[in-house]
């Protein structure tokens, strides 16, 4: 019985972890807005703008 309860708890934890993972946003869901001109930019465009910087902060 004790072994079955451990198995049941493990199944419950695994199902919760899977559902939490499915709810996370992906890169495709993310929109990057430029603070300078308030327009959407791609990740590649943003990376090109940061070539000359040593440190970049994201808020």
PDB file of N, CA and C in Angstrom:
ATOM      1  N   UNK A   1       0.822  -1.199   0.000  1.00  0.00           N
ATOM      2  CA  UNK A   1       0.000   0.000   0.000  1.00  0.00           C
ATOM      3  C   UNK A   1       0.865   1.261   0.000  1.00  0.00           C
ATOM      4  N   UNK A   2       1.912   1.259   0.805  1.00  0.00           N
ATOM      5  CA  UNK A   2       2.800   2.412   0.898  1.00  0.00           C
ATOM      6  C   UNK A   2       3.466   2.685  -0.454  1.00  0.00           C
ATOM      7  N   UNK A   3       3.836   1.611  -1.130  1.00  0.00           N
ATOM      8  CA  UNK A   3       4.477   1.737  -2.435  1.00  0.00           C
ATOM      9  C   UNK A   3       3.508   2.337  -3.462  1.00  0.00           C
ATOM     10  N   UNK A   4       2.238   1.924  -3.378  1.00  0.00           N
ATOM     11  CA  UNK A   4       1.221   2.453  -4.283  1.00  0.00           C
ATOM     12  C   UNK A   4       1.010   3.941  -4.054  1.00  0.00           C
ATOM     13  N   UNK A   5       0.993   4.383  -2.800  1.00  0.00           N
ATOM     14  CA  UNK A   5       0.813   5.804  -2.497  1.00  0.00           C
ATOM     15  C   UNK A   5       1.980   6.633  -3.012  1.00  0.00           C
ATOM     16  N   UNK A   6       3.192   6.106  -2.905  1.00  0.00           N
ATOM     17  CA  UNK A   6       4.356   6.804  -3.460  1.00  0.00           C
ATOM     18  C   UNK A   6       4.216   6.956  -4.964  1.00  0.00           C
ATOM     19  N   UNK A   7       3.792   5.872  -5.620  1.00  0.00           N
ATOM     20  CA  UNK A   7       3.601   5.894  -7.061  1.00  0.00           C
ATOM     21  C   UNK A   7       2.519   6.903  -7.446  1.00  0.00           C
ATOM     22  N   UNK A   8       1.430   6.924  -6.716  1.00  0.00           N
ATOM     23  CA  UNK A   8       0.336   7.850  -6.976  1.00  0.00           C
ATOM     24  C   UNK A   8       0.785   9.299  -6.813  1.00  0.00           C
ATOM     25  N   UNK A   9       1.536   9.573  -5.757  1.00  0.00           N
ATOM     26  CA  UNK A   9       2.057  10.927  -5.529  1.00  0.00           C
ATOM     27  C   UNK A   9       3.009  11.340  -6.652  1.00  0.00           C
ATOM     28  N   UNK A  10       3.823  10.414  -7.084  1.00  0.00           N
ATOM     29  CA  UNK A  10       4.763  10.714  -8.153  1.00  0.00           C
ATOM     30  C   UNK A  10       4.025  11.029  -9.457  1.00  0.00           C
ATOM     31  N   UNK A  11       2.974  10.268  -9.742  1.00  0.00           N
ATOM     32  CA  UNK A  11       2.166  10.531 -10.934  1.00  0.00           C
ATOM     33  C   UNK A  11       1.506  11.900 -10.856  1.00  0.00           C
ATOM     34  N   UNK A  12       1.012  12.247  -9.694  1.00  0.00           N
ATOM     35  CA  UNK A  12       0.379  13.551  -9.503  1.00  0.00           C
ATOM     36  C   UNK A  12       1.376  14.683  -9.708  1.00  0.00           C
ATOM     37  N   UNK A  13       2.553  14.557  -9.146  1.00  0.00           N
ATOM     38  CA  UNK A  13       3.594  15.581  -9.302  1.00  0.00           C
ATOM     39  C   UNK A  13       4.007  15.714 -10.769  1.00  0.00           C
ATOM     40  N   UNK A  14       4.154  14.582 -11.454  1.00  0.00           N
ATOM     41  CA  UNK A  14       4.547  14.616 -12.870  1.00  0.00           C
ATOM     42  C   UNK A  14       3.475  15.292 -13.721  1.00  0.00           C
ATOM     43  N   UNK A  15       2.208  15.013 -13.432  1.00  0.00           N
ATOM     44  CA  UNK A  15       1.132  15.632 -14.215  1.00  0.00           C
ATOM     45  C   UNK A  15       1.056  17.135 -13.949  1.00  0.00           C
ATOM     46  N   UNK A  16       1.311  17.553 -12.704  1.00  0.00           N
ATOM     47  CA  UNK A  16       1.314  18.983 -12.384  1.00  0.00           C
ATOM     48  C   UNK A  16       2.470  19.686 -13.070  1.00  0.00           C
ATOM     49  N   UNK A  17       3.624  19.063 -13.103  1.00  0.00           N
ATOM     50  CA  UNK A  17       4.786  19.665 -13.754  1.00  0.00           C
ATOM     51  C   UNK A  17       4.551  19.799 -15.244  1.00  0.00           C
ATOM     52  N   UNK A  18       3.938  18.822 -15.852  1.00  0.00           N
ATOM     53  CA  UNK A  18       3.661  18.869 -17.292  1.00  0.00           C
ATOM     54  C   UNK A  18       2.665  19.973 -17.628  1.00  0.00           C
ATOM     55  N   UNK A  19       1.624  20.124 -16.817  1.00  0.00           N
ATOM     56  CA  UNK A  19       0.636  21.168 -17.089  1.00  0.00           C
ATOM     57  C   UNK A  19       1.228  22.554 -16.854  1.00  0.00           C
ATOM     58  N   UNK A  20       2.107  22.702 -15.879  1.00  0.00           N
ATOM     59  CA  UNK A  20       2.757  23.995 -15.642  1.00  0.00           C
ATOM     60  C   UNK A  20       3.687  24.342 -16.792  1.00  0.00           C
ATOM     61  N   UNK A  21       4.374  23.337 -17.324  1.00  0.00           N
ATOM     62  CA  UNK A  21       5.278  23.573 -18.446  1.00  0.00           C
ATOM     63  C   UNK A  21       4.502  24.003 -19.688  1.00  0.00           C
ATOM     64  N   UNK A  22       3.343  23.434 -19.913  1.00  0.00           N
ATOM     65  CA  UNK A  22       2.538  23.772 -21.081  1.00  0.00           C
ATOM     66  C   UNK A  22       2.010  25.201 -21.000  1.00  0.00           C
ATOM     67  N   UNK A  23       1.866  25.755 -19.803  1.00  0.00           N
ATOM     68  CA  UNK A  23       1.314  27.091 -19.636  1.00  0.00           C
ATOM     69  C   UNK A  23       2.363  28.191 -19.823  1.00  0.00           C
ATOM     70  N   UNK A  24       3.638  27.847 -19.866  1.00  0.00           N
ATOM     71  CA  UNK A  24       4.676  28.858 -20.006  1.00  0.00           C
ATOM     72  C   UNK A  24       4.682  29.444 -21.418  1.00  0.00           C
ATOM     73  N   UNK A  25       4.915  30.747 -21.546  1.00  0.00           N
ATOM     74  CA  UNK A  25       4.980  31.337 -22.890  1.00  0.00           C
ATOM     75  C   UNK A  25       6.229  30.872 -23.622  1.00  0.00           C
ATOM     76  N   UNK A  26       6.143  30.813 -24.930  1.00  0.00           N
ATOM     77  CA  UNK A  26       7.285  30.431 -25.749  1.00  0.00           C
ATOM     78  C   UNK A  26       7.845  31.669 -26.427  1.00  0.00           C
ATOM     79  N   UNK A  27       8.963  31.512 -27.110  1.00  0.00           N
ATOM     80  CA  UNK A  27       9.570  32.629 -27.827  1.00  0.00           C
ATOM     81  C   UNK A  27       8.620  33.139 -28.903  1.00  0.00           C
ATOM     82  N   UNK A  28       7.862  32.246 -29.508  1.00  0.00           N
ATOM     83  CA  UNK A  28       6.903  32.652 -30.542  1.00  0.00           C
ATOM     84  C   UNK A  28       5.795  33.518 -29.974  1.00  0.00           C
ATOM     85  N   UNK A  29       5.484  33.378 -28.686  1.00  0.00           N
ATOM     86  CA  UNK A  29       4.437  34.164 -28.038  1.00  0.00           C
ATOM     87  C   UNK A  29       4.934  35.537 -27.589  1.00  0.00           C
ATOM     88  N   UNK A  30       6.239  35.752 -27.621  1.00  0.00           N
ATOM     89  CA  UNK A  30       6.831  36.965 -27.079  1.00  0.00           C
ATOM     90  C   UNK A  30       6.933  38.054 -28.145  1.00  0.00           C
ATOM     91  N   UNK A  31       6.569  39.275 -27.766  1.00  0.00           N
ATOM     92  CA  UNK A  31       6.705  40.433 -28.652  1.00  0.00           C
ATOM     93  C   UNK A  31       7.668  41.394 -27.975  1.00  0.00           C
ATOM     94  N   UNK A  32       8.693  41.817 -28.710  1.00  0.00           N
ATOM     95  CA  UNK A  32       9.691  42.748 -28.178  1.00  0.00           C
ATOM     96  C   UNK A  32       9.370  44.135 -28.727  1.00  0.00           C
ATOM     97  N   UNK A  33       9.221  45.092 -27.826  1.00  0.00           N
ATOM     98  CA  UNK A  33       8.900  46.463 -28.212  1.00  0.00           C
ATOM     99  C   UNK A  33      10.112  47.341 -27.945  1.00  0.00           C
ATOM    100  N   UNK A  34      10.524  48.083 -28.943  1.00  0.00           N
ATOM    101  CA  UNK A  34      11.654  48.997 -28.804  1.00  0.00           C
ATOM    102  C   UNK A  34      11.228  50.198 -27.968  1.00  0.00           C
ATOM    103  N   UNK A  35      12.018  50.538 -26.966  1.00  0.00           N
ATOM    104  CA  UNK A  35      11.703  51.696 -26.121  1.00  0.00           C
ATOM    105  C   UNK A  35      11.931  53.000 -26.875  1.00  0.00           C
ATOM    106  N   UNK A  36      12.820  52.993 -27.866  1.00  0.00           N
ATOM    107  CA  UNK A  36      13.148  54.215 -28.597  1.00  0.00           C
ATOM    108  C   UNK A  36      11.995  54.686 -29.482  1.00  0.00           C
ATOM    109  N   UNK A  37      11.393  53.763 -30.235  1.00  0.00           N
ATOM    110  CA  UNK A  37      10.338  54.184 -31.156  1.00  0.00           C
ATOM    111  C   UNK A  37       9.004  53.477 -30.936  1.00  0.00           C
ATOM    112  N   UNK A  38       8.912  52.679 -29.881  1.00  0.00           N
ATOM    113  CA  UNK A  38       7.679  51.986 -29.496  1.00  0.00           C
ATOM    114  C   UNK A  38       7.130  51.080 -30.611  1.00  0.00           C
ATOM    115  N   UNK A  39       8.014  50.455 -31.384  1.00  0.00           N
ATOM    116  CA  UNK A  39       7.610  49.531 -32.447  1.00  0.00           C
ATOM    117  C   UNK A  39       8.152  48.146 -32.138  1.00  0.00           C
ATOM    118  N   UNK A  40       7.473  47.135 -32.659  1.00  0.00           N
ATOM    119  CA  UNK A  40       7.916  45.758 -32.463  1.00  0.00           C
ATOM    120  C   UNK A  40       9.190  45.495 -33.256  1.00  0.00           C
ATOM    121  N   UNK A  41      10.132  44.789 -32.641  1.00  0.00           N
ATOM    122  CA  UNK A  41      11.375  44.413 -33.309  1.00  0.00           C
ATOM    123  C   UNK A  41      11.576  42.910 -33.143  1.00  0.00           C
ATOM    124  N   UNK A  42      12.323  42.325 -34.075  1.00  0.00           N
ATOM    125  CA  UNK A  42      12.627  40.905 -33.971  1.00  0.00           C
ATOM    126  C   UNK A  42      13.802  40.714 -33.024  1.00  0.00           C
ATOM    127  N   UNK A  43      14.010  39.486 -32.624  1.00  0.00           N
ATOM    128  CA  UNK A  43      15.123  39.165 -31.748  1.00  0.00           C
ATOM    129  C   UNK A  43      16.451  39.459 -32.445  1.00  0.00           C
ATOM    130  N   UNK A  44      16.531  39.201 -33.736  1.00  0.00           N
ATOM    131  CA  UNK A  44      17.758  39.473 -34.503  1.00  0.00           C
ATOM    132  C   UNK A  44      18.049  40.967 -34.561  1.00  0.00           C
ATOM    133  N   UNK A  45      17.017  41.774 -34.778  1.00  0.00           N
ATOM    134  CA  UNK A  45      17.205  43.233 -34.813  1.00  0.00           C
ATOM    135  C   UNK A  45      17.671  43.751 -33.459  1.00  0.00           C
ATOM    136  N   UNK A  46      17.103  43.229 -32.403  1.00  0.00           N
ATOM    137  CA  UNK A  46      17.502  43.647 -31.069  1.00  0.00           C
ATOM    138  C   UNK A  46      18.951  43.267 -30.798  1.00  0.00           C
ATOM    139  N   UNK A  47      19.350  42.070 -31.205  1.00  0.00           N
ATOM    140  CA  UNK A  47      20.727  41.622 -31.005  1.00  0.00           C
ATOM    141  C   UNK A  47      21.705  42.500 -31.771  1.00  0.00           C
ATOM    142  N   UNK A  48      21.341  42.903 -32.977  1.00  0.00           N
ATOM    143  CA  UNK A  48      22.203  43.789 -33.775  1.00  0.00           C
ATOM    144  C   UNK A  48      22.408  45.127 -33.072  1.00  0.00           C
ATOM    145  N   UNK A  49      21.375  45.630 -32.402  1.00  0.00           N
ATOM    146  CA  UNK A  49      21.478  46.915 -31.709  1.00  0.00           C
ATOM    147  C   UNK A  49      22.367  46.844 -30.474  1.00  0.00           C
ATOM    148  N   UNK A  50      22.559  45.657 -29.918  1.00  0.00           N
ATOM    149  CA  UNK A  50      23.332  45.502 -28.691  1.00  0.00           C
ATOM    150  C   UNK A  50      24.763  45.037 -28.922  1.00  0.00           C
ATOM    151  N   UNK A  51      25.230  45.027 -30.141  1.00  0.00           N
ATOM    152  CA  UNK A  51      26.574  44.530 -30.464  1.00  0.00           C
ATOM    153  C   UNK A  51      27.658  45.319 -29.734  1.00  0.00           C
ATOM    154  N   UNK A  52      27.497  46.612 -29.608  1.00  0.00           N
ATOM    155  CA  UNK A  52      28.533  47.466 -29.025  1.00  0.00           C
ATOM    156  C   UNK A  52      28.459  47.580 -27.499  1.00  0.00           C
ATOM    157  N   UNK A  53      27.470  46.948 -26.882  1.00  0.00           N
ATOM    158  CA  UNK A  53      27.285  47.042 -25.436  1.00  0.00           C
ATOM    159  C   UNK A  53      27.902  45.836 -24.725  1.00  0.00           C
ATOM    160  N   UNK A  54      28.434  46.067 -23.534  1.00  0.00           N
ATOM    161  CA  UNK A  54      28.989  44.988 -22.730  1.00  0.00           C
ATOM    162  C   UNK A  54      27.934  44.383 -21.797  1.00  0.00           C
ATOM    163  N   UNK A  55      27.006  45.210 -21.345  1.00  0.00           N
ATOM    164  CA  UNK A  55      25.970  44.767 -20.407  1.00  0.00           C
ATOM    165  C   UNK A  55      24.625  45.282 -20.878  1.00  0.00           C
ATOM    166  N   UNK A  56      23.604  44.427 -20.803  1.00  0.00           N
ATOM    167  CA  UNK A  56      22.239  44.817 -21.184  1.00  0.00           C
ATOM    168  C   UNK A  56      21.313  44.386 -20.056  1.00  0.00           C
ATOM    169  N   UNK A  57      20.462  45.294 -19.594  1.00  0.00           N
ATOM    170  CA  UNK A  57      19.492  45.000 -18.552  1.00  0.00           C
ATOM    171  C   UNK A  57      18.111  44.868 -19.164  1.00  0.00           C
ATOM    172  N   UNK A  58      17.364  43.841 -18.752  1.00  0.00           N
ATOM    173  CA  UNK A  58      15.994  43.647 -19.185  1.00  0.00           C
ATOM    174  C   UNK A  58      15.073  43.796 -17.992  1.00  0.00           C
ATOM    175  N   UNK A  59      13.976  44.516 -18.163  1.00  0.00           N
ATOM    176  CA  UNK A  59      13.012  44.727 -17.081  1.00  0.00           C
ATOM    177  C   UNK A  59      11.703  44.093 -17.443  1.00  0.00           C
TER     178      UNK A  59
END
